[in-house]
Amino acid sequence: MPYEVMLKEAHSLVDEIPRDKIAYVVTFLKSANGLYSSNSVQKKREEAGNVLMSFAGSLRKNFDEKAELESWREERF
Protein backbone atom coordinates (compact mmCIF):
# COMPACT_ATOMS: atom_id res chain seq x y z
CA MET A 1 0.00 0.00 0.00
CA PRO A 2 1.50 3.38 -0.96
CA TYR A 3 2.55 5.74 1.82
CA GLU A 4 0.06 8.45 0.86
CA VAL A 5 -2.85 5.99 1.02
CA MET A 6 -1.74 4.69 4.43
CA LEU A 7 -1.34 8.26 5.70
CA LYS A 8 -4.88 9.20 4.61
CA GLU A 9 -6.23 6.04 6.22
CA ALA A 10 -4.37 6.83 9.44
CA HIS A 11 -5.78 10.37 9.47
CA SER A 12 -9.32 9.11 9.00
CA LEU A 13 -8.86 6.56 11.79
CA VAL A 14 -7.51 9.22 14.14
CA ASP A 15 -10.47 11.47 13.30
CA GLU A 16 -12.82 8.71 14.47
CA ILE A 17 -11.20 8.33 17.91
CA PRO A 18 -13.13 9.95 20.75
CA ARG A 19 -11.41 12.99 22.23
CA ASP A 20 -11.08 11.39 25.65
CA LYS A 21 -9.15 8.44 24.15
CA ILE A 22 -6.70 10.35 21.94
CA ALA A 23 -4.06 10.41 24.70
CA TYR A 24 -3.77 6.62 24.41
CA VAL A 25 -3.12 6.92 20.69
CA VAL A 26 -0.47 9.58 21.23
CA THR A 27 1.26 7.39 23.82
CA PHE A 28 1.18 4.43 21.44
CA LEU A 29 2.57 6.47 18.55
CA LYS A 30 5.40 7.81 20.69
CA SER A 31 6.37 4.30 21.77
CA ALA A 32 6.10 3.01 18.19
CA ASN A 33 8.35 5.85 17.06
CA GLY A 34 10.95 4.64 19.54
CA LEU A 35 10.87 1.21 17.96
CA TYR A 36 11.62 2.54 14.50
CA SER A 37 14.06 5.31 15.33
CA SER A 38 17.04 3.06 15.96
CA ASN A 39 19.14 5.46 13.90
CA SER A 40 18.73 8.16 16.52
CA VAL A 41 19.56 5.68 19.28
CA GLN A 42 22.67 4.62 17.41
CA LYS A 43 23.66 8.28 16.93
CA LYS A 44 23.27 8.97 20.66
CA ARG A 45 25.42 5.94 21.47
CA GLU A 46 28.11 7.08 19.06
CA GLU A 47 28.08 10.60 20.53
CA ALA A 48 28.33 9.20 24.06
CA GLY A 49 31.23 7.00 22.98
CA ASN A 50 32.98 9.98 21.41
CA VAL A 51 32.57 12.01 24.60
CA LEU A 52 33.95 9.12 26.63
CA MET A 53 36.88 8.68 24.27
CA SER A 54 37.65 12.41 24.49
CA PHE A 55 38.83 11.72 28.05
CA ALA A 56 41.28 9.04 26.93
CA GLY A 57 44.81 9.94 27.89
CA SER A 58 43.73 12.91 30.00
CA LEU A 59 45.05 11.52 33.32
CA ARG A 60 48.49 12.55 34.44
CA LYS A 61 51.16 9.88 34.14
CA ASN A 62 51.77 9.59 37.88
CA PHE A 63 48.06 9.20 38.72
CA ASP A 64 47.54 6.81 41.63
CA GLU A 65 43.96 5.62 41.67
CA LYS A 66 44.10 4.17 45.20
CA ALA A 67 45.66 7.30 46.69
CA GLU A 68 43.10 9.51 44.97
CA LEU A 69 40.26 7.35 46.25
CA GLU A 70 41.61 7.48 49.82
CA SER A 71 42.02 11.24 49.59
CA TRP A 72 38.47 11.61 48.33
CA ARG A 73 37.13 9.40 51.13
CA GLU A 74 38.99 11.42 53.77
CA GLU A 75 37.50 14.65 52.42
CA ARG A 76 33.96 13.29 52.29
CA PHE A 77 33.81 11.21 55.43
PDB file of N, CA and C in Angstrom:
ATOM      1  N   MET A   1       0.855  -1.175   0.000  1.00  0.00           N
ATOM      2  CA  MET A   1       0.000   0.000   0.000  1.00  0.00           C
ATOM      3  C   MET A   1       0.900   1.238   0.000  1.00  0.00           C
ATOM      4  N   PRO A   2       0.670   2.173  -0.904  1.00  0.00           N
ATOM      5  CA  PRO A   2       1.501   3.381  -0.964  1.00  0.00           C
ATOM      6  C   PRO A   2       1.405   4.213   0.325  1.00  0.00           C
ATOM      7  N   TYR A   3       2.466   4.935   0.605  1.00  0.00           N
ATOM      8  CA  TYR A   3       2.549   5.738   1.821  1.00  0.00           C
ATOM      9  C   TYR A   3       1.405   6.735   1.924  1.00  0.00           C
ATOM     10  N   GLU A   4       1.104   7.421   0.825  1.00  0.00           N
ATOM     11  CA  GLU A   4       0.058   8.454   0.858  1.00  0.00           C
ATOM     12  C   GLU A   4      -1.294   7.852   1.226  1.00  0.00           C
ATOM     13  N   VAL A   5      -1.580   6.655   0.714  1.00  0.00           N
ATOM     14  CA  VAL A   5      -2.851   5.993   1.020  1.00  0.00           C
ATOM     15  C   VAL A   5      -2.893   5.614   2.498  1.00  0.00           C
ATOM     16  N   MET A   6      -1.783   5.063   3.010  1.00  0.00           N
ATOM     17  CA  MET A   6      -1.737   4.695   4.430  1.00  0.00           C
ATOM     18  C   MET A   6      -1.872   5.926   5.316  1.00  0.00           C
ATOM     19  N   LEU A   7      -1.261   7.031   4.918  1.00  0.00           N
ATOM     20  CA  LEU A   7      -1.341   8.255   5.701  1.00  0.00           C
ATOM     21  C   LEU A   7      -2.771   8.774   5.755  1.00  0.00           C
ATOM     22  N   LYS A   8      -3.472   8.765   4.627  1.00  0.00           N
ATOM     23  CA  LYS A   8      -4.879   9.196   4.608  1.00  0.00           C
ATOM     24  C   LYS A   8      -5.735   8.285   5.479  1.00  0.00           C
ATOM     25  N   GLU A   9      -5.475   6.983   5.401  1.00  0.00           N
ATOM     26  CA  GLU A   9      -6.228   6.035   6.224  1.00  0.00           C
ATOM     27  C   GLU A   9      -5.964   6.276   7.709  1.00  0.00           C
ATOM     28  N   ALA A  10      -4.716   6.551   8.046  1.00  0.00           N
ATOM     29  CA  ALA A  10      -4.368   6.832   9.438  1.00  0.00           C
ATOM     30  C   ALA A  10      -5.067   8.093   9.923  1.00  0.00           C
ATOM     31  N   HIS A  11      -5.091   9.120   9.092  1.00  0.00           N
ATOM     32  CA  HIS A  11      -5.781  10.365   9.468  1.00  0.00           C
ATOM     33  C   HIS A  11      -7.260  10.128   9.697  1.00  0.00           C
ATOM     34  N   SER A  12      -7.889   9.349   8.832  1.00  0.00           N
ATOM     35  CA  SER A  12      -9.318   9.106   9.004  1.00  0.00           C
ATOM     36  C   SER A  12      -9.583   8.281  10.262  1.00  0.00           C
ATOM     37  N   LEU A  13      -8.694   7.351  10.566  1.00  0.00           N
ATOM     38  CA  LEU A  13      -8.862   6.562  11.792  1.00  0.00           C
ATOM     39  C   LEU A  13      -8.699   7.432  13.032  1.00  0.00           C
ATOM     40  N   VAL A  14      -7.730   8.332  12.999  1.00  0.00           N
ATOM     41  CA  VAL A  14      -7.515   9.222  14.143  1.00  0.00           C
ATOM     42  C   VAL A  14      -8.709  10.147  14.318  1.00  0.00           C
ATOM     43  N   ASP A  15      -9.293  10.596  13.211  1.00  0.00           N
ATOM     44  CA  ASP A  15     -10.466  11.473  13.297  1.00  0.00           C
ATOM     45  C   ASP A  15     -11.651  10.785  13.961  1.00  0.00           C
ATOM     46  N   GLU A  16     -11.710   9.458  13.885  1.00  0.00           N
ATOM     47  CA  GLU A  16     -12.822   8.706  14.467  1.00  0.00           C
ATOM     48  C   GLU A  16     -12.654   8.430  15.959  1.00  0.00           C
ATOM     49  N   ILE A  17     -11.464   8.633  16.497  1.00  0.00           N
ATOM     50  CA  ILE A  17     -11.200   8.327  17.906  1.00  0.00           C
ATOM     51  C   ILE A  17     -11.834   9.397  18.784  1.00  0.00           C
ATOM     52  N   PRO A  18     -12.535   8.971  19.825  1.00  0.00           N
ATOM     53  CA  PRO A  18     -13.128   9.948  20.746  1.00  0.00           C
ATOM     54  C   PRO A  18     -12.046  10.809  21.407  1.00  0.00           C
ATOM     55  N   ARG A  19     -12.381  12.044  21.673  1.00  0.00           N
ATOM     56  CA  ARG A  19     -11.410  12.989  22.232  1.00  0.00           C
ATOM     57  C   ARG A  19     -10.814  12.506  23.556  1.00  0.00           C
ATOM     58  N   ASP A  20     -11.592  11.835  24.359  1.00  0.00           N
ATOM     59  CA  ASP A  20     -11.077  11.392  25.655  1.00  0.00           C
ATOM     60  C   ASP A  20     -10.140  10.186  25.537  1.00  0.00           C
ATOM     61  N   LYS A  21     -10.031   9.600  24.358  1.00  0.00           N
ATOM     62  CA  LYS A  21      -9.154   8.443  24.150  1.00  0.00           C
ATOM     63  C   LYS A  21      -7.913   8.770  23.321  1.00  0.00           C
ATOM     64  N   ILE A  22      -7.807   9.998  22.835  1.00  0.00           N
ATOM     65  CA  ILE A  22      -6.704  10.352  21.941  1.00  0.00           C
ATOM     66  C   ILE A  22      -5.347  10.280  22.643  1.00  0.00           C
ATOM     67  N   ALA A  23      -5.325  10.481  23.958  1.00  0.00           N
ATOM     68  CA  ALA A  23      -4.060  10.410  24.698  1.00  0.00           C
ATOM     69  C   ALA A  23      -3.438   9.019  24.584  1.00  0.00           C
ATOM     70  N   TYR A  24      -4.278   7.983  24.554  1.00  0.00           N
ATOM     71  CA  TYR A  24      -3.768   6.617  24.406  1.00  0.00           C
ATOM     72  C   TYR A  24      -3.090   6.430  23.046  1.00  0.00           C
ATOM     73  N   VAL A  25      -3.682   7.030  22.037  1.00  0.00           N
ATOM     74  CA  VAL A  25      -3.117   6.925  20.688  1.00  0.00           C
ATOM     75  C   VAL A  25      -1.773   7.647  20.625  1.00  0.00           C
ATOM     76  N   VAL A  26      -1.715   8.820  21.226  1.00  0.00           N
ATOM     77  CA  VAL A  26      -0.474   9.584  21.234  1.00  0.00           C
ATOM     78  C   VAL A  26       0.620   8.798  21.953  1.00  0.00           C
ATOM     79  N   THR A  27       0.296   8.202  23.077  1.00  0.00           N
ATOM     80  CA  THR A  27       1.261   7.389  23.819  1.00  0.00           C
ATOM     81  C   THR A  27       1.741   6.217  22.970  1.00  0.00           C
ATOM     82  N   PHE A  28       0.813   5.559  22.299  1.00  0.00           N
ATOM     83  CA  PHE A  28       1.176   4.433  21.440  1.00  0.00           C
ATOM     84  C   PHE A  28       2.092   4.879  20.310  1.00  0.00           C
ATOM     85  N   LEU A  29       1.761   5.985  19.672  1.00  0.00           N
ATOM     86  CA  LEU A  29       2.566   6.471  18.555  1.00  0.00           C
ATOM     87  C   LEU A  29       3.974   6.861  19.003  1.00  0.00           C
ATOM     88  N   LYS A  30       4.075   7.457  20.178  1.00  0.00           N
ATOM     89  CA  LYS A  30       5.399   7.810  20.691  1.00  0.00           C
ATOM     90  C   LYS A  30       6.234   6.562  20.944  1.00  0.00           C
ATOM     91  N   SER A  31       5.608   5.523  21.499  1.00  0.00           N
ATOM     92  CA  SER A  31       6.369   4.301  21.766  1.00  0.00           C
ATOM     93  C   SER A  31       6.719   3.591  20.461  1.00  0.00           C
ATOM     94  N   ALA A  32       5.819   3.617  19.489  1.00  0.00           N
ATOM     95  CA  ALA A  32       6.104   3.007  18.192  1.00  0.00           C
ATOM     96  C   ALA A  32       7.229   3.752  17.493  1.00  0.00           C
ATOM     97  N   ASN A  33       7.270   5.056  17.647  1.00  0.00           N
ATOM     98  CA  ASN A  33       8.348   5.847  17.060  1.00  0.00           C
ATOM     99  C   ASN A  33       9.686   5.422  17.637  1.00  0.00           C
ATOM    100  N   GLY A  34       9.727   5.111  18.912  1.00  0.00           N
ATOM    101  CA  GLY A  34      10.955   4.643  19.540  1.00  0.00           C
ATOM    102  C   GLY A  34      11.430   3.331  18.961  1.00  0.00           C
ATOM    103  N   LEU A  35      10.499   2.489  18.529  1.00  0.00           N
ATOM    104  CA  LEU A  35      10.872   1.207  17.958  1.00  0.00           C
ATOM    105  C   LEU A  35      11.544   1.370  16.599  1.00  0.00           C
ATOM    106  N   TYR A  36      11.133   2.382  15.864  1.00  0.00           N
ATOM    107  CA  TYR A  36      11.624   2.543  14.504  1.00  0.00           C
ATOM    108  C   TYR A  36      12.713   3.587  14.366  1.00  0.00           C
ATOM    109  N   SER A  37      13.044   4.266  15.439  1.00  0.00           N
ATOM    110  CA  SER A  37      14.057   5.311  15.331  1.00  0.00           C
ATOM    111  C   SER A  37      15.399   4.814  15.858  1.00  0.00           C
ATOM    112  N   SER A  38      15.777   3.618  15.479  1.00  0.00           N
ATOM    113  CA  SER A  38      17.038   3.055  15.955  1.00  0.00           C
ATOM    114  C   SER A  38      18.227   3.862  15.467  1.00  0.00           C
ATOM    115  N   ASN A  39      18.059   4.596  14.369  1.00  0.00           N
ATOM    116  CA  ASN A  39      19.139   5.456  13.899  1.00  0.00           C
ATOM    117  C   ASN A  39      19.485   6.517  14.926  1.00  0.00           C
ATOM    118  N   SER A  40      18.459   7.119  15.532  1.00  0.00           N
ATOM    119  CA  SER A  40      18.726   8.161  16.524  1.00  0.00           C
ATOM    120  C   SER A  40      19.357   7.550  17.767  1.00  0.00           C
ATOM    121  N   VAL A  41      18.953   6.351  18.135  1.00  0.00           N
ATOM    122  CA  VAL A  41      19.556   5.677  19.280  1.00  0.00           C
ATOM    123  C   VAL A  41      21.017   5.385  18.986  1.00  0.00           C
ATOM    124  N   GLN A  42      21.296   4.914  17.797  1.00  0.00           N
ATOM    125  CA  GLN A  42      22.675   4.624  17.411  1.00  0.00           C
ATOM    126  C   GLN A  42      23.512   5.900  17.412  1.00  0.00           C
ATOM    127  N   LYS A  43      22.933   7.002  16.932  1.00  0.00           N
ATOM    128  CA  LYS A  43      23.660   8.275  16.925  1.00  0.00           C
ATOM    129  C   LYS A  43      23.999   8.715  18.345  1.00  0.00           C
ATOM    130  N   LYS A  44      23.031   8.578  19.266  1.00  0.00           N
ATOM    131  CA  LYS A  44      23.269   8.967  20.655  1.00  0.00           C
ATOM    132  C   LYS A  44      24.366   8.112  21.268  1.00  0.00           C
ATOM    133  N   ARG A  45      24.372   6.815  20.951  1.00  0.00           N
ATOM    134  CA  ARG A  45      25.417   5.936  21.470  1.00  0.00           C
ATOM    135  C   ARG A  45      26.784   6.331  20.938  1.00  0.00           C
ATOM    136  N   GLU A  46      26.842   6.667  19.652  1.00  0.00           N
ATOM    137  CA  GLU A  46      28.112   7.085  19.064  1.00  0.00           C
ATOM    138  C   GLU A  46      28.609   8.385  19.689  1.00  0.00           C
ATOM    139  N   GLU A  47      27.693   9.330  19.904  1.00  0.00           N
ATOM    140  CA  GLU A  47      28.076  10.596  20.526  1.00  0.00           C
ATOM    141  C   GLU A  47      28.586  10.366  21.944  1.00  0.00           C
ATOM    142  N   ALA A  48      27.894   9.500  22.693  1.00  0.00           N
ATOM    143  CA  ALA A  48      28.326   9.198  24.056  1.00  0.00           C
ATOM    144  C   ALA A  48      29.702   8.542  24.042  1.00  0.00           C
ATOM    145  N   GLY A  49      29.921   7.640  23.102  1.00  0.00           N
ATOM    146  CA  GLY A  49      31.226   6.998  22.976  1.00  0.00           C
ATOM    147  C   GLY A  49      32.316   7.997  22.639  1.00  0.00           C
ATOM    148  N   ASN A  50      32.001   8.942  21.774  1.00  0.00           N
ATOM    149  CA  ASN A  50      32.978   9.977  21.407  1.00  0.00           C
ATOM    150  C   ASN A  50      33.326  10.859  22.599  1.00  0.00           C
ATOM    151  N   VAL A  51      32.312  11.200  23.399  1.00  0.00           N
ATOM    152  CA  VAL A  51      32.569  12.005  24.598  1.00  0.00           C
ATOM    153  C   VAL A  51      33.460  11.223  25.554  1.00  0.00           C
ATOM    154  N   LEU A  52      33.148   9.958  25.736  1.00  0.00           N
ATOM    155  CA  LEU A  52      33.950   9.120  26.626  1.00  0.00           C
ATOM    156  C   LEU A  52      35.385   9.016  26.125  1.00  0.00           C
ATOM    157  N   MET A  53      35.539   8.803  24.835  1.00  0.00           N
ATOM    158  CA  MET A  53      36.883   8.678  24.273  1.00  0.00           C
ATOM    159  C   MET A  53      37.658   9.997  24.318  1.00  0.00           C
ATOM    160  N   SER A  54      36.959  11.120  24.418  1.00  0.00           N
ATOM    161  CA  SER A  54      37.654  12.405  24.494  1.00  0.00           C
ATOM    162  C   SER A  54      38.450  12.523  25.791  1.00  0.00           C
ATOM    163  N   PHE A  55      38.099  11.717  26.792  1.00  0.00           N
ATOM    164  CA  PHE A  55      38.830  11.724  28.052  1.00  0.00           C
ATOM    165  C   PHE A  55      40.043  10.799  28.027  1.00  0.00           C
ATOM    166  N   ALA A  56      40.169   9.991  27.006  1.00  0.00           N
ATOM    167  CA  ALA A  56      41.281   9.044  26.926  1.00  0.00           C
ATOM    168  C   ALA A  56      42.608   9.788  26.941  1.00  0.00           C
ATOM    169  N   GLY A  57      43.485   9.335  27.799  1.00  0.00           N
ATOM    170  CA  GLY A  57      44.806   9.938  27.888  1.00  0.00           C
ATOM    171  C   GLY A  57      44.848  11.249  28.638  1.00  0.00           C
ATOM    172  N   SER A  58      43.760  11.623  29.326  1.00  0.00           N
ATOM    173  CA  SER A  58      43.732  12.910  30.005  1.00  0.00           C
ATOM    174  C   SER A  58      44.247  12.833  31.444  1.00  0.00           C
ATOM    175  N   LEU A  59      44.502  11.640  31.971  1.00  0.00           N
ATOM    176  CA  LEU A  59      45.049  11.517  33.320  1.00  0.00           C
ATOM    177  C   LEU A  59      46.559  11.771  33.292  1.00  0.00           C
ATOM    178  N   ARG A  60      47.037  12.334  34.357  1.00  0.00           N
ATOM    179  CA  ARG A  60      48.485  12.554  34.435  1.00  0.00           C
ATOM    180  C   ARG A  60      49.194  11.204  34.578  1.00  0.00           C
ATOM    181  N   LYS A  61      50.428  11.152  34.175  1.00  0.00           N
ATOM    182  CA  LYS A  61      51.162   9.883  34.138  1.00  0.00           C
ATOM    183  C   LYS A  61      51.377   9.285  35.519  1.00  0.00           C
ATOM    184  N   ASN A  62      51.508  10.102  36.539  1.00  0.00           N
ATOM    185  CA  ASN A  62      51.767   9.590  37.875  1.00  0.00           C
ATOM    186  C   ASN A  62      50.470   9.453  38.698  1.00  0.00           C
ATOM    187  N   PHE A  63      49.350   9.316  38.050  1.00  0.00           N
ATOM    188  CA  PHE A  63      48.058   9.201  38.717  1.00  0.00           C
ATOM    189  C   PHE A  63      47.985   7.887  39.488  1.00  0.00           C
ATOM    190  N   ASP A  64      47.675   7.989  40.776  1.00  0.00           N
ATOM    191  CA  ASP A  64      47.545   6.812  41.634  1.00  0.00           C
ATOM    192  C   ASP A  64      46.084   6.701  42.049  1.00  0.00           C
ATOM    193  N   GLU A  65      45.397   5.778  41.448  1.00  0.00           N
ATOM    194  CA  GLU A  65      43.961   5.622  41.673  1.00  0.00           C
ATOM    195  C   GLU A  65      43.634   5.376  43.143  1.00  0.00           C
ATOM    196  N   LYS A  66      44.379   4.500  43.800  1.00  0.00           N
ATOM    197  CA  LYS A  66      44.096   4.168  45.202  1.00  0.00           C
ATOM    198  C   LYS A  66      44.322   5.371  46.112  1.00  0.00           C
ATOM    199  N   ALA A  67      45.397   6.115  45.882  1.00  0.00           N
ATOM    200  CA  ALA A  67      45.665   7.299  46.695  1.00  0.00           C
ATOM    201  C   ALA A  67      44.587   8.357  46.482  1.00  0.00           C
ATOM    202  N   GLU A  68      44.164   8.539  45.260  1.00  0.00           N
ATOM    203  CA  GLU A  68      43.099   9.507  44.970  1.00  0.00           C
ATOM    204  C   GLU A  68      41.792   9.105  45.653  1.00  0.00           C
ATOM    205  N   LEU A  69      41.482   7.828  45.616  1.00  0.00           N
ATOM    206  CA  LEU A  69      40.260   7.345  46.248  1.00  0.00           C
ATOM    207  C   LEU A  69      40.313   7.566  47.752  1.00  0.00           C
ATOM    208  N   GLU A  70      41.446   7.262  48.383  1.00  0.00           N
ATOM    209  CA  GLU A  70      41.605   7.477  49.822  1.00  0.00           C
ATOM    210  C   GLU A  70      41.479   8.953  50.162  1.00  0.00           C
ATOM    211  N   SER A  71      42.094   9.800  49.368  1.00  0.00           N
ATOM    212  CA  SER A  71      42.015  11.238  49.592  1.00  0.00           C
ATOM    213  C   SER A  71      40.576  11.714  49.490  1.00  0.00           C
ATOM    214  N   TRP A  72      39.874  11.226  48.516  1.00  0.00           N
ATOM    215  CA  TRP A  72      38.467  11.605  48.325  1.00  0.00           C
ATOM    216  C   TRP A  72      37.639  11.147  49.513  1.00  0.00           C
ATOM    217  N   ARG A  73      37.883   9.929  49.976  1.00  0.00           N
ATOM    218  CA  ARG A  73      37.131   9.404  51.128  1.00  0.00           C
ATOM    219  C   ARG A  73      37.395  10.221  52.380  1.00  0.00           C
ATOM    220  N   GLU A  74      38.654  10.616  52.608  1.00  0.00           N
ATOM    221  CA  GLU A  74      38.987  11.423  53.771  1.00  0.00           C
ATOM    222  C   GLU A  74      38.271  12.760  53.745  1.00  0.00           C
ATOM    223  N   GLU A  75      38.185  13.375  52.566  1.00  0.00           N
ATOM    224  CA  GLU A  75      37.496  14.654  52.421  1.00  0.00           C
ATOM    225  C   GLU A  75      36.002  14.532  52.678  1.00  0.00           C
ATOM    226  N   ARG A  76      35.411  13.447  52.219  1.00  0.00           N
ATOM    227  CA  ARG A  76      33.961  13.290  52.288  1.00  0.00           C
ATOM    228  C   ARG A  76      33.481  12.744  53.632  1.00  0.00           C
ATOM    229  N   PHE A  77      34.282  11.895  54.225  1.00  0.00           N
ATOM    230  CA  PHE A  77      33.810  11.208  55.432  1.00  0.00           C
ATOM    231  C   PHE A  77      34.651  11.641  56.576  1.00  0.00           C
TER     232      PHE A  77
END
